Amino acid sequence: MSVLIRQVTLGDTPRLVEIYDYYVTHTAVSFEYETPSVAEFENRVRQISAEYPYLVIEADGKVQGYAYAHAFIPRKAYQFCCELTIYLDKDARHQGLGRALYTALEEELRQRGFRNLYACIGVPLGDDPHLSMDSPKFHERLGFTLAGTFRKSGWKFGRWYDMIWMEKLINQEVSP
């Protein structure tokens, strides 16, 4: 398999929406209820990529996932922190693509001087057909640790979900 990680382009947007749609309509990984239009997603890509890295991963020439950083909290004091987001095509999971994509994103953030990386992750309250513990386990394998839990903060598919925040500290020596 030939793998390429590159910056997103607006031409990627229809494929990104296709990937994201699965998570909106079938899972509680995303807490959105409706899949955004291609135009709305293009606006999101423009806004995020203007300030933060937004990467896609291709396998054999087809986009299989995307990951990006965005503002953790939009206040100057948090300028060295960012939140990360990643989505892979549902059939491209567990092949190492997510690890490769997140590793590339982390390296770019390190080079840009970021210090703290955060991930906001939905977790099920027991066995659940719409959400597993795959994301927390993925982040843990990549060096993230639990920073906090918000109890029953997300409502989707007629049930409550907890939200956890995980963090990874990079660039410890960075200071203003």
C-alpha atoms as a PDB file:
ATOM      1  CA  MET A   1       0.000   0.000   0.000  1.00  0.00           C
ATOM      2  CA  SER A   2       1.309   3.433  -1.004  1.00  0.00           C
ATOM      3  CA  VAL A   3       0.653   6.055   1.704  1.00  0.00           C
ATOM      4  CA  LEU A   4       0.876   9.838   1.376  1.00  0.00           C
ATOM      5  CA  ILE A   5       0.170  12.439   4.070  1.00  0.00           C
ATOM      6  CA  ARG A   6      -0.382  15.966   2.788  1.00  0.00           C
ATOM      7  CA  GLN A   7      -2.129  19.257   3.492  1.00  0.00           C
ATOM      8  CA  VAL A   8      -5.853  19.316   2.778  1.00  0.00           C
ATOM      9  CA  THR A   9      -7.235  21.051  -0.312  1.00  0.00           C
ATOM     10  CA  LEU A  10     -10.779  22.242  -0.924  1.00  0.00           C
ATOM     11  CA  GLY A  11     -10.961  19.559  -3.619  1.00  0.00           C
ATOM     12  CA  ASP A  12     -10.782  16.967  -0.834  1.00  0.00           C
ATOM     13  CA  THR A  13     -13.947  18.246   0.803  1.00  0.00           C
ATOM     14  CA  PRO A  14     -16.526  15.924  -0.815  1.00  0.00           C
ATOM     15  CA  ARG A  15     -14.460  12.910   0.275  1.00  0.00           C
ATOM     16  CA  LEU A  16     -14.046  14.311   3.798  1.00  0.00           C
ATOM     17  CA  VAL A  17     -17.822  14.765   4.055  1.00  0.00           C
ATOM     18  CA  GLU A  18     -18.282  11.180   2.851  1.00  0.00           C
ATOM     19  CA  ILE A  19     -15.945   9.902   5.576  1.00  0.00           C
ATOM     20  CA  TYR A  20     -17.512  12.107   8.255  1.00  0.00           C
ATOM     21  CA  ASP A  21     -21.097  11.204   7.312  1.00  0.00           C
ATOM     22  CA  TYR A  22     -20.654   7.669   8.641  1.00  0.00           C
ATOM     23  CA  TYR A  23     -19.655   8.992  12.070  1.00  0.00           C
ATOM     24  CA  VAL A  24     -22.538  11.485  12.201  1.00  0.00           C
ATOM     25  CA  THR A  25     -25.283   9.120  11.070  1.00  0.00           C
ATOM     26  CA  HIS A  26     -24.186   5.808  12.609  1.00  0.00           C
ATOM     27  CA  THR A  27     -22.031   6.595  15.641  1.00  0.00           C
ATOM     28  CA  ALA A  28     -21.710   8.785  18.695  1.00  0.00           C
ATOM     29  CA  VAL A  29     -18.091   9.555  17.796  1.00  0.00           C
ATOM     30  CA  SER A  30     -19.423  12.875  16.495  1.00  0.00           C
ATOM     31  CA  PHE A  31     -22.182  14.563  18.459  1.00  0.00           C
ATOM     32  CA  GLU A  32     -23.496  16.344  15.375  1.00  0.00           C
ATOM     33  CA  TYR A  33     -26.983  15.164  14.438  1.00  0.00           C
ATOM     34  CA  GLU A  34     -26.820  16.087  10.747  1.00  0.00           C
ATOM     35  CA  THR A  35     -23.948  15.810   8.308  1.00  0.00           C
ATOM     36  CA  PRO A  36     -22.820  19.252   7.141  1.00  0.00           C
ATOM     37  CA  SER A  37     -23.115  20.118   3.475  1.00  0.00           C
ATOM     38  CA  VAL A  38     -20.019  20.213   1.298  1.00  0.00           C
ATOM     39  CA  ALA A  39     -20.244  24.032   1.328  1.00  0.00           C
ATOM     40  CA  GLU A  40     -20.369  24.137   5.150  1.00  0.00           C
ATOM     41  CA  PHE A  41     -17.474  21.691   5.360  1.00  0.00           C
ATOM     42  CA  GLU A  42     -15.473  23.821   2.907  1.00  0.00           C
ATOM     43  CA  ASN A  43     -15.986  26.788   5.237  1.00  0.00           C
ATOM     44  CA  ARG A  44     -14.719  24.700   8.154  1.00  0.00           C
ATOM     45  CA  VAL A  45     -11.663  23.604   6.171  1.00  0.00           C
ATOM     46  CA  ARG A  46     -10.909  27.212   5.161  1.00  0.00           C
ATOM     47  CA  GLN A  47     -11.244  28.545   8.714  1.00  0.00           C
ATOM     48  CA  ILE A  48      -9.207  25.809  10.380  1.00  0.00           C
ATOM     49  CA  SER A  49      -6.450  25.504   7.781  1.00  0.00           C
ATOM     50  CA  ALA A  50      -5.898  29.272   7.817  1.00  0.00           C
ATOM     51  CA  GLU A  51      -4.358  28.932  11.293  1.00  0.00           C
ATOM     52  CA  TYR A  52      -3.668  25.263  11.995  1.00  0.00           C
ATOM     53  CA  PRO A  53      -2.403  22.184  10.178  1.00  0.00           C
ATOM     54  CA  TYR A  54      -5.120  20.160   8.445  1.00  0.00           C
ATOM     55  CA  LEU A  55      -3.811  16.916   6.983  1.00  0.00           C
ATOM     56  CA  VAL A  56      -5.248  14.120   4.864  1.00  0.00           C
ATOM     57  CA  ILE A  57      -3.884  10.629   4.408  1.00  0.00           C
ATOM     58  CA  GLU A  58      -4.088   8.844   1.086  1.00  0.00           C
ATOM     59  CA  ALA A  59      -3.656   5.113   0.582  1.00  0.00           C
ATOM     60  CA  ASP A  60      -3.107   4.056  -3.018  1.00  0.00           C
ATOM     61  CA  GLY A  61      -4.245   7.474  -4.220  1.00  0.00           C
ATOM     62  CA  LYS A  62      -7.547   7.655  -2.296  1.00  0.00           C
ATOM     63  CA  VAL A  63      -8.109   9.868   0.750  1.00  0.00           C
ATOM     64  CA  GLN A  64      -8.728   7.526   3.696  1.00  0.00           C
ATOM     65  CA  GLY A  65      -8.815  10.016   6.542  1.00  0.00           C
ATOM     66  CA  TYR A  66      -8.070  13.449   7.864  1.00  0.00           C
ATOM     67  CA  ALA A  67      -6.810  15.082  11.037  1.00  0.00           C
ATOM     68  CA  TYR A  68      -6.465  18.664  12.108  1.00  0.00           C
ATOM     69  CA  ALA A  69      -5.692  20.909  15.031  1.00  0.00           C
ATOM     70  CA  HIS A  70      -7.887  23.780  16.111  1.00  0.00           C
ATOM     71  CA  ALA A  71      -8.173  26.275  18.931  1.00  0.00           C
ATOM     72  CA  PHE A  72      -8.500  24.703  22.363  1.00  0.00           C
ATOM     73  CA  ILE A  73      -9.972  27.876  23.830  1.00  0.00           C
ATOM     74  CA  PRO A  74      -9.805  31.084  21.778  1.00  0.00           C
ATOM     75  CA  ARG A  75      -7.981  33.200  24.348  1.00  0.00           C
ATOM     76  CA  LYS A  76      -4.413  34.433  24.012  1.00  0.00           C
ATOM     77  CA  ALA A  77      -3.321  32.619  27.193  1.00  0.00           C
ATOM     78  CA  TYR A  78      -4.030  29.265  25.465  1.00  0.00           C
ATOM     79  CA  GLN A  79      -1.981  30.047  22.353  1.00  0.00           C
ATOM     80  CA  PHE A  80       0.354  27.092  22.938  1.00  0.00           C
ATOM     81  CA  CYS A  81      -2.505  24.592  23.252  1.00  0.00           C
ATOM     82  CA  CYS A  82      -4.718  23.022  20.608  1.00  0.00           C
ATOM     83  CA  GLU A  83      -7.404  20.390  20.260  1.00  0.00           C
ATOM     84  CA  LEU A  84      -6.965  17.573  17.762  1.00  0.00           C
ATOM     85  CA  THR A  85      -9.568  15.837  15.612  1.00  0.00           C
ATOM     86  CA  ILE A  86      -9.204  12.725  13.460  1.00  0.00           C
ATOM     87  CA  TYR A  87     -11.538  10.692  11.262  1.00  0.00           C
ATOM     88  CA  LEU A  88     -10.718   7.678   9.121  1.00  0.00           C
ATOM     89  CA  ASP A  89     -12.855   5.951   6.543  1.00  0.00           C
ATOM     90  CA  LYS A  90     -14.747   3.258   8.471  1.00  0.00           C
ATOM     91  CA  ASP A  91     -13.052   0.567   6.377  1.00  0.00           C
ATOM     92  CA  ALA A  92      -9.545   2.029   6.803  1.00  0.00           C
ATOM     93  CA  ARG A  93      -9.349   1.695  10.580  1.00  0.00           C
ATOM     94  CA  HIS A  94      -6.874  -0.612  12.350  1.00  0.00           C
ATOM     95  CA  GLN A  95      -4.319  -0.432   9.522  1.00  0.00           C
ATOM     96  CA  GLY A  96      -1.891   2.059  11.071  1.00  0.00           C
ATOM     97  CA  LEU A  97      -3.185   5.016   9.052  1.00  0.00           C
ATOM     98  CA  GLY A  98      -4.503   6.840  12.108  1.00  0.00           C
ATOM     99  CA  ARG A  99      -1.187   6.511  13.921  1.00  0.00           C
ATOM    100  CA  ALA A 100       0.725   7.767  10.869  1.00  0.00           C
ATOM    101  CA  LEU A 101      -1.636  10.711  10.428  1.00  0.00           C
ATOM    102  CA  TYR A 102      -1.615  11.738  14.111  1.00  0.00           C
ATOM    103  CA  THR A 103       2.172  11.378  14.287  1.00  0.00           C
ATOM    104  CA  ALA A 104       2.577  13.707  11.298  1.00  0.00           C
ATOM    105  CA  LEU A 105       0.129  16.192  12.824  1.00  0.00           C
ATOM    106  CA  GLU A 106       1.938  16.122  16.168  1.00  0.00           C
ATOM    107  CA  GLU A 107       5.296  16.712  14.500  1.00  0.00           C
ATOM    108  CA  GLU A 108       3.975  19.710  12.606  1.00  0.00           C
ATOM    109  CA  LEU A 109       2.495  21.120  15.826  1.00  0.00           C
ATOM    110  CA  ARG A 110       5.800  20.569  17.632  1.00  0.00           C
ATOM    111  CA  GLN A 111       7.613  22.478  14.881  1.00  0.00           C
ATOM    112  CA  ARG A 112       5.105  25.321  15.184  1.00  0.00           C
ATOM    113  CA  GLY A 113       5.811  25.601  18.912  1.00  0.00           C
ATOM    114  CA  PHE A 114       2.668  24.105  20.397  1.00  0.00           C
ATOM    115  CA  ARG A 115       3.017  22.632  23.877  1.00  0.00           C
ATOM    116  CA  ASN A 116      -0.254  20.951  24.913  1.00  0.00           C
ATOM    117  CA  LEU A 117      -2.421  18.717  22.716  1.00  0.00           C
ATOM    118  CA  TYR A 118      -5.979  17.883  23.757  1.00  0.00           C
ATOM    119  CA  ALA A 119      -8.598  15.437  22.504  1.00  0.00           C
ATOM    120  CA  CYS A 120     -12.274  15.563  23.444  1.00  0.00           C
ATOM    121  CA  ILE A 121     -13.689  12.039  23.181  1.00  0.00           C
ATOM    122  CA  GLY A 122     -17.149  10.579  23.680  1.00  0.00           C
ATOM    123  CA  VAL A 123     -17.289   7.421  25.759  1.00  0.00           C
ATOM    124  CA  PRO A 124     -20.178   4.991  26.245  1.00  0.00           C
ATOM    125  CA  LEU A 125     -21.817   4.202  29.559  1.00  0.00           C
ATOM    126  CA  GLY A 126     -21.491   0.432  29.107  1.00  0.00           C
ATOM    127  CA  ASP A 127     -22.074  -1.696  26.014  1.00  0.00           C
ATOM    128  CA  ASP A 128     -23.253   0.527  23.216  1.00  0.00           C
ATOM    129  CA  PRO A 129     -24.005  -0.104  19.523  1.00  0.00           C
ATOM    130  CA  HIS A 130     -22.960   3.434  18.555  1.00  0.00           C
ATOM    131  CA  LEU A 131     -19.695   3.952  20.414  1.00  0.00           C
ATOM    132  CA  SER A 132     -16.737   1.884  21.581  1.00  0.00           C
ATOM    133  CA  MET A 133     -13.625   2.620  23.590  1.00  0.00           C
ATOM    134  CA  ASP A 134     -11.440   2.544  20.453  1.00  0.00           C
ATOM    135  CA  SER A 135     -10.699   6.282  20.483  1.00  0.00           C
ATOM    136  CA  PRO A 136      -9.552   6.487  24.119  1.00  0.00           C
ATOM    137  CA  LYS A 137      -7.389   3.401  23.580  1.00  0.00           C
ATOM    138  CA  PHE A 138      -5.939   4.880  20.373  1.00  0.00           C
ATOM    139  CA  HIS A 139      -5.030   8.114  22.135  1.00  0.00           C
ATOM    140  CA  GLU A 140      -3.551   6.251  25.096  1.00  0.00           C
ATOM    141  CA  ARG A 141      -1.303   4.233  22.763  1.00  0.00           C
ATOM    142  CA  LEU A 142      -0.061   7.538  21.338  1.00  0.00           C
ATOM    143  CA  GLY A 143       0.893   8.894  24.757  1.00  0.00           C
ATOM    144  CA  PHE A 144      -2.237  10.802  25.746  1.00  0.00           C
ATOM    145  CA  THR A 145      -3.452  10.599  29.339  1.00  0.00           C
ATOM    146  CA  LEU A 146      -6.835  11.235  30.903  1.00  0.00           C
ATOM    147  CA  ALA A 147      -7.258  14.852  31.991  1.00  0.00           C
ATOM    148  CA  GLY A 148     -10.923  14.908  32.967  1.00  0.00           C
ATOM    149  CA  THR A 149     -14.436  13.531  32.542  1.00  0.00           C
ATOM    150  CA  PHE A 150     -17.725  15.285  31.921  1.00  0.00           C
ATOM    151  CA  ARG A 151     -20.567  13.005  32.994  1.00  0.00           C
ATOM    152  CA  LYS A 152     -23.578  12.485  30.732  1.00  0.00           C
ATOM    153  CA  SER A 153     -22.781  15.584  28.737  1.00  0.00           C
ATOM    154  CA  GLY A 154     -23.653  14.322  25.251  1.00  0.00           C
ATOM    155  CA  TRP A 155     -27.106  13.155  24.120  1.00  0.00           C
ATOM    156  CA  LYS A 156     -27.450  11.160  20.910  1.00  0.00           C
ATOM    157  CA  PHE A 157     -29.482   8.151  19.772  1.00  0.00           C
ATOM    158  CA  GLY A 158     -31.740   8.492  22.820  1.00  0.00           C
ATOM    159  CA  ARG A 159     -28.967   7.951  25.359  1.00  0.00           C
ATOM    160  CA  TRP A 160     -26.335   9.810  27.350  1.00  0.00           C
ATOM    161  CA  TYR A 161     -22.594   9.729  26.732  1.00  0.00           C
ATOM    162  CA  ASP A 162     -19.734  10.899  28.879  1.00  0.00           C
ATOM    163  CA  MET A 163     -17.019  13.092  27.399  1.00  0.00           C
ATOM    164  CA  ILE A 164     -13.418  12.671  28.383  1.00  0.00           C
ATOM    165  CA  TRP A 165     -10.544  15.011  27.755  1.00  0.00           C
ATOM    166  CA  MET A 166      -7.165  13.483  27.089  1.00  0.00           C
ATOM    167  CA  GLU A 167      -3.921  15.418  26.862  1.00  0.00           C
ATOM    168  CA  LYS A 168      -0.395  15.025  25.625  1.00  0.00           C
ATOM    169  CA  LEU A 169       2.326  17.446  26.569  1.00  0.00           C
ATOM    170  CA  ILE A 170       4.954  18.170  23.936  1.00  0.00           C
ATOM    171  CA  ASN A 171       7.595  20.887  23.729  1.00  0.00           C
ATOM    172  CA  GLN A 172       7.995  21.244  27.477  1.00  0.00           C
ATOM    173  CA  GLU A 173      10.670  23.877  27.004  1.00  0.00           C
ATOM    174  CA  VAL A 174       8.384  26.219  25.000  1.00  0.00           C
ATOM    175  CA  SER A 175       7.625  29.506  26.688  1.00  0.00           C
ATOM    176  CA  PRO A 176       6.592  32.926  25.323  1.00  0.00           C
END
